[in-house]
Amino acid sequence: MPDHMRLILRHAAYGGVIAMAFIGALLVLNVGNLWHLVTHTTGGPLALVVMTVFCWITFGSVQIGIRIMTMGDDKGGGGTRAPEPLPLPIPLRVETRR
């Protein structure tokens, strides 16, 4: 498997772990009476699956985005490019017309 695909899948999995922890915290802390809604309604398990999938997509995308945006920092130290030479002024002769 190519390295870039492995990187994307690995960080999507990291986001999935964070999403599962987030959903678990929502259920344990009973935010918005979510535990009761999931366990005592007929559509509760389906709603839990949908919420988990959407959170997985969200947190996975954030993890992938963070990793891709910080890839330039892997080299460290900065570049060694020579500075650009400054342009020299060119004298021009201006004649005024009257």
N, C-alpha and C. Protein backbone atom coordinates (compact mmCIF):
# COMPACT_ATOMS: atom_id res chain seq x y z
N MET A 1 0.85 -1.17 0.00
CA MET A 1 0.00 0.00 0.00
C MET A 1 0.90 1.24 0.00
N PRO A 2 0.56 2.24 -0.81
CA PRO A 2 1.39 3.46 -0.86
C PRO A 2 1.43 4.16 0.49
N ASP A 3 2.53 4.87 0.71
CA ASP A 3 2.72 5.55 1.99
C ASP A 3 1.64 6.58 2.29
N HIS A 4 1.20 7.32 1.28
CA HIS A 4 0.20 8.35 1.55
C HIS A 4 -1.15 7.75 1.94
N MET A 5 -1.49 6.61 1.38
CA MET A 5 -2.75 5.95 1.77
C MET A 5 -2.65 5.40 3.19
N ARG A 6 -1.50 4.85 3.53
CA ARG A 6 -1.29 4.35 4.89
C ARG A 6 -1.38 5.50 5.90
N LEU A 7 -0.82 6.66 5.55
CA LEU A 7 -0.88 7.83 6.42
C LEU A 7 -2.33 8.27 6.63
N ILE A 8 -3.11 8.33 5.56
CA ILE A 8 -4.51 8.77 5.66
C ILE A 8 -5.33 7.78 6.48
N LEU A 9 -5.17 6.49 6.23
CA LEU A 9 -5.93 5.50 6.99
C LEU A 9 -5.54 5.46 8.46
N ARG A 10 -4.25 5.62 8.74
CA ARG A 10 -3.80 5.61 10.14
C ARG A 10 -4.41 6.79 10.90
N HIS A 11 -4.39 7.97 10.31
CA HIS A 11 -4.92 9.13 11.02
C HIS A 11 -6.44 9.14 11.04
N ALA A 12 -7.07 8.50 10.06
CA ALA A 12 -8.52 8.33 10.14
C ALA A 12 -8.88 7.40 11.30
N ALA A 13 -8.05 6.39 11.53
CA ALA A 13 -8.27 5.49 12.67
C ALA A 13 -8.06 6.22 13.98
N TYR A 14 -7.04 7.10 14.04
CA TYR A 14 -6.84 7.90 15.26
C TYR A 14 -8.08 8.75 15.53
N GLY A 15 -8.62 9.36 14.48
CA GLY A 15 -9.84 10.15 14.64
C GLY A 15 -11.01 9.29 15.08
N GLY A 16 -11.06 8.04 14.62
CA GLY A 16 -12.12 7.13 15.05
C GLY A 16 -12.03 6.79 16.52
N VAL A 17 -10.81 6.62 17.01
CA VAL A 17 -10.63 6.35 18.45
C VAL A 17 -11.09 7.55 19.27
N ILE A 18 -10.74 8.74 18.80
CA ILE A 18 -11.17 9.95 19.51
C ILE A 18 -12.69 10.08 19.46
N ALA A 19 -13.29 9.75 18.31
CA ALA A 19 -14.76 9.82 18.18
C ALA A 19 -15.44 8.84 19.12
N MET A 20 -14.90 7.63 19.22
CA MET A 20 -15.48 6.64 20.13
C MET A 20 -15.38 7.10 21.58
N ALA A 21 -14.26 7.71 21.93
CA ALA A 21 -14.12 8.24 23.29
C ALA A 21 -15.11 9.38 23.53
N PHE A 22 -15.31 10.22 22.52
CA PHE A 22 -16.25 11.33 22.63
C PHE A 22 -17.68 10.82 22.81
N ILE A 23 -18.08 9.85 22.00
CA ILE A 23 -19.42 9.28 22.11
C ILE A 23 -19.59 8.59 23.47
N GLY A 24 -18.57 7.87 23.91
CA GLY A 24 -18.62 7.23 25.22
C GLY A 24 -18.78 8.25 26.34
N ALA A 25 -18.05 9.37 26.23
CA ALA A 25 -18.18 10.42 27.25
C ALA A 25 -19.57 11.03 27.23
N LEU A 26 -20.14 11.22 26.04
CA LEU A 26 -21.50 11.75 25.96
C LEU A 26 -22.50 10.82 26.64
N LEU A 27 -22.33 9.53 26.43
CA LEU A 27 -23.26 8.57 27.03
C LEU A 27 -23.06 8.45 28.53
N VAL A 28 -21.81 8.38 28.97
CA VAL A 28 -21.54 8.22 30.40
C VAL A 28 -21.97 9.45 31.19
N LEU A 29 -21.71 10.63 30.63
CA LEU A 29 -22.09 11.87 31.32
C LEU A 29 -23.56 12.21 31.12
N ASN A 30 -24.24 11.44 30.27
CA ASN A 30 -25.67 11.61 30.01
C ASN A 30 -26.01 13.04 29.58
N VAL A 31 -25.25 13.54 28.63
CA VAL A 31 -25.46 14.89 28.11
C VAL A 31 -26.78 14.91 27.33
N GLY A 32 -27.66 15.81 27.68
CA GLY A 32 -28.95 15.93 27.01
C GLY A 32 -29.82 14.70 27.16
N ASN A 33 -29.61 13.97 28.25
CA ASN A 33 -30.36 12.75 28.53
C ASN A 33 -30.20 11.74 27.39
N LEU A 34 -29.01 11.71 26.80
CA LEU A 34 -28.75 10.86 25.64
C LEU A 34 -28.80 9.38 25.98
N TRP A 35 -28.29 9.00 27.14
CA TRP A 35 -28.32 7.58 27.52
C TRP A 35 -29.75 7.05 27.56
N HIS A 36 -30.65 7.82 28.15
CA HIS A 36 -32.05 7.40 28.23
C HIS A 36 -32.66 7.30 26.84
N LEU A 37 -32.36 8.27 25.97
CA LEU A 37 -32.93 8.24 24.62
C LEU A 37 -32.43 7.04 23.82
N VAL A 38 -31.16 6.70 23.99
CA VAL A 38 -30.60 5.57 23.24
C VAL A 38 -31.14 4.24 23.75
N THR A 39 -31.29 4.11 25.05
CA THR A 39 -31.68 2.82 25.62
C THR A 39 -33.19 2.61 25.72
N HIS A 40 -33.99 3.65 25.65
CA HIS A 40 -35.42 3.49 25.88
C HIS A 40 -36.29 3.83 24.67
N THR A 41 -35.73 4.04 23.53
CA THR A 41 -36.53 4.29 22.34
C THR A 41 -36.19 3.25 21.27
N THR A 42 -37.10 3.06 20.34
CA THR A 42 -36.87 2.03 19.32
C THR A 42 -35.80 2.45 18.32
N GLY A 43 -35.68 3.73 18.06
CA GLY A 43 -34.68 4.20 17.10
C GLY A 43 -33.37 4.58 17.75
N GLY A 44 -33.23 4.32 19.04
CA GLY A 44 -32.02 4.72 19.77
C GLY A 44 -30.74 4.10 19.26
N PRO A 45 -30.71 2.77 19.07
CA PRO A 45 -29.46 2.16 18.57
C PRO A 45 -29.06 2.67 17.18
N LEU A 46 -30.03 2.87 16.31
CA LEU A 46 -29.72 3.39 14.99
C LEU A 46 -29.18 4.83 15.09
N ALA A 47 -29.80 5.63 15.96
CA ALA A 47 -29.31 7.00 16.15
C ALA A 47 -27.89 7.00 16.70
N LEU A 48 -27.59 6.05 17.58
CA LEU A 48 -26.24 5.94 18.13
C LEU A 48 -25.23 5.57 17.04
N VAL A 49 -25.60 4.66 16.17
CA VAL A 49 -24.71 4.26 15.07
C VAL A 49 -24.47 5.45 14.13
N VAL A 50 -25.53 6.16 13.78
CA VAL A 50 -25.40 7.31 12.87
C VAL A 50 -24.54 8.39 13.51
N MET A 51 -24.76 8.67 14.78
CA MET A 51 -23.96 9.68 15.47
C MET A 51 -22.49 9.26 15.54
N THR A 52 -22.24 7.98 15.78
CA THR A 52 -20.87 7.49 15.84
C THR A 52 -20.19 7.61 14.49
N VAL A 53 -20.88 7.24 13.42
CA VAL A 53 -20.30 7.34 12.08
C VAL A 53 -19.99 8.79 11.73
N PHE A 54 -20.92 9.69 12.00
CA PHE A 54 -20.69 11.10 11.67
C PHE A 54 -19.56 11.69 12.52
N CYS A 55 -19.49 11.33 13.78
CA CYS A 55 -18.38 11.81 14.61
C CYS A 55 -17.05 11.22 14.12
N TRP A 56 -17.07 9.97 13.69
CA TRP A 56 -15.86 9.33 13.16
C TRP A 56 -15.38 10.09 11.91
N ILE A 57 -16.31 10.42 11.02
CA ILE A 57 -15.95 11.17 9.81
C ILE A 57 -15.39 12.53 10.19
N THR A 58 -16.02 13.21 11.14
CA THR A 58 -15.58 14.54 11.54
C THR A 58 -14.20 14.50 12.19
N PHE A 59 -14.04 13.67 13.22
CA PHE A 59 -12.77 13.62 13.94
C PHE A 59 -11.66 13.03 13.06
N GLY A 60 -11.99 12.06 12.22
CA GLY A 60 -11.00 11.51 11.31
C GLY A 60 -10.53 12.55 10.31
N SER A 61 -11.44 13.34 9.77
CA SER A 61 -11.07 14.39 8.83
C SER A 61 -10.20 15.44 9.49
N VAL A 62 -10.51 15.77 10.72
CA VAL A 62 -9.69 16.74 11.45
C VAL A 62 -8.28 16.20 11.67
N GLN A 63 -8.18 14.94 12.05
CA GLN A 63 -6.85 14.34 12.27
C GLN A 63 -6.05 14.30 10.97
N ILE A 64 -6.68 13.92 9.87
CA ILE A 64 -5.99 13.89 8.58
C ILE A 64 -5.55 15.30 8.19
N GLY A 65 -6.43 16.27 8.36
CA GLY A 65 -6.10 17.65 8.02
C GLY A 65 -4.95 18.20 8.85
N ILE A 66 -4.96 17.91 10.14
CA ILE A 66 -3.87 18.37 11.00
C ILE A 66 -2.55 17.75 10.56
N ARG A 67 -2.57 16.47 10.26
CA ARG A 67 -1.33 15.79 9.86
C ARG A 67 -0.81 16.33 8.53
N ILE A 68 -1.70 16.54 7.57
CA ILE A 68 -1.27 17.04 6.27
C ILE A 68 -0.75 18.47 6.38
N MET A 69 -1.40 19.29 7.19
CA MET A 69 -0.96 20.68 7.31
C MET A 69 0.34 20.83 8.09
N THR A 70 0.70 19.84 8.90
CA THR A 70 1.95 19.93 9.64
C THR A 70 3.07 19.12 8.98
N MET A 71 2.86 18.60 7.79
CA MET A 71 3.89 17.80 7.13
C MET A 71 5.12 18.62 6.78
N GLY A 72 4.99 19.89 6.52
CA GLY A 72 6.13 20.72 6.20
C GLY A 72 7.07 20.90 7.38
N ASP A 73 6.60 20.68 8.59
CA ASP A 73 7.42 20.85 9.78
C ASP A 73 8.33 19.65 10.04
N ASP A 74 8.20 18.56 9.28
CA ASP A 74 8.98 17.37 9.53
C ASP A 74 10.46 17.55 9.27
N LYS A 75 10.81 18.40 8.33
CA LYS A 75 12.21 18.58 7.98
C LYS A 75 12.98 19.26 9.10
N GLY A 76 12.37 20.21 9.74
CA GLY A 76 13.01 20.91 10.86
C GLY A 76 14.16 21.79 10.38
N GLY A 77 14.49 22.76 11.17
CA GLY A 77 15.67 23.58 10.91
C GLY A 77 15.49 24.69 9.89
N GLY A 78 14.70 24.51 8.90
CA GLY A 78 14.52 25.53 7.89
C GLY A 78 15.41 25.30 6.68
N GLY A 79 15.23 26.09 5.68
CA GLY A 79 15.95 25.91 4.42
C GLY A 79 17.33 26.54 4.43
N THR A 80 18.09 26.24 3.39
CA THR A 80 19.46 26.78 3.26
C THR A 80 19.60 27.55 1.96
N ARG A 81 18.51 28.03 1.41
CA ARG A 81 18.55 28.74 0.14
C ARG A 81 19.29 30.07 0.30
N ALA A 82 20.08 30.39 -0.71
CA ALA A 82 20.81 31.67 -0.68
C ALA A 82 19.82 32.81 -0.83
N PRO A 83 20.11 33.95 -0.20
CA PRO A 83 19.19 35.08 -0.31
C PRO A 83 19.14 35.62 -1.74
N GLU A 84 18.00 36.15 -2.11
CA GLU A 84 17.81 36.72 -3.43
C GLU A 84 18.62 38.01 -3.53
N PRO A 85 19.32 38.23 -4.64
CA PRO A 85 20.05 39.50 -4.79
C PRO A 85 19.07 40.65 -4.98
N LEU A 86 19.42 41.79 -4.42
CA LEU A 86 18.57 42.96 -4.56
C LEU A 86 18.76 43.56 -5.95
N PRO A 87 17.70 44.02 -6.59
CA PRO A 87 17.87 44.64 -7.92
C PRO A 87 18.59 45.98 -7.80
N LEU A 88 19.47 46.25 -8.75
CA LEU A 88 20.19 47.52 -8.76
C LEU A 88 19.37 48.56 -9.51
N PRO A 89 19.38 49.80 -9.01
CA PRO A 89 18.63 50.84 -9.71
C PRO A 89 19.31 51.18 -11.04
N ILE A 90 18.50 51.42 -12.04
CA ILE A 90 19.01 51.80 -13.35
C ILE A 90 18.73 53.29 -13.55
N PRO A 91 19.79 54.08 -13.75
CA PRO A 91 19.55 55.52 -13.94
C PRO A 91 18.89 55.79 -15.28
N LEU A 92 17.87 56.63 -15.28
CA LEU A 92 17.16 57.01 -16.49
C LEU A 92 17.27 58.50 -16.69
N ARG A 93 17.34 58.88 -17.92
CA ARG A 93 17.41 60.30 -18.24
C ARG A 93 16.02 60.74 -18.64
N VAL A 94 15.52 61.75 -17.97
CA VAL A 94 14.16 62.22 -18.23
C VAL A 94 14.25 63.61 -18.84
N GLU A 95 13.59 63.79 -19.95
CA GLU A 95 13.55 65.12 -20.58
C GLU A 95 12.14 65.65 -20.42
N THR A 96 12.05 66.89 -20.05
CA THR A 96 10.73 67.51 -19.91
C THR A 96 10.43 68.30 -21.16
N ARG A 97 9.22 68.23 -21.61
CA ARG A 97 8.76 68.99 -22.78
C ARG A 97 7.96 70.18 -22.33
N ARG A 98 8.18 71.29 -23.03
CA ARG A 98 7.42 72.49 -22.71
C ARG A 98 6.74 73.02 -23.90
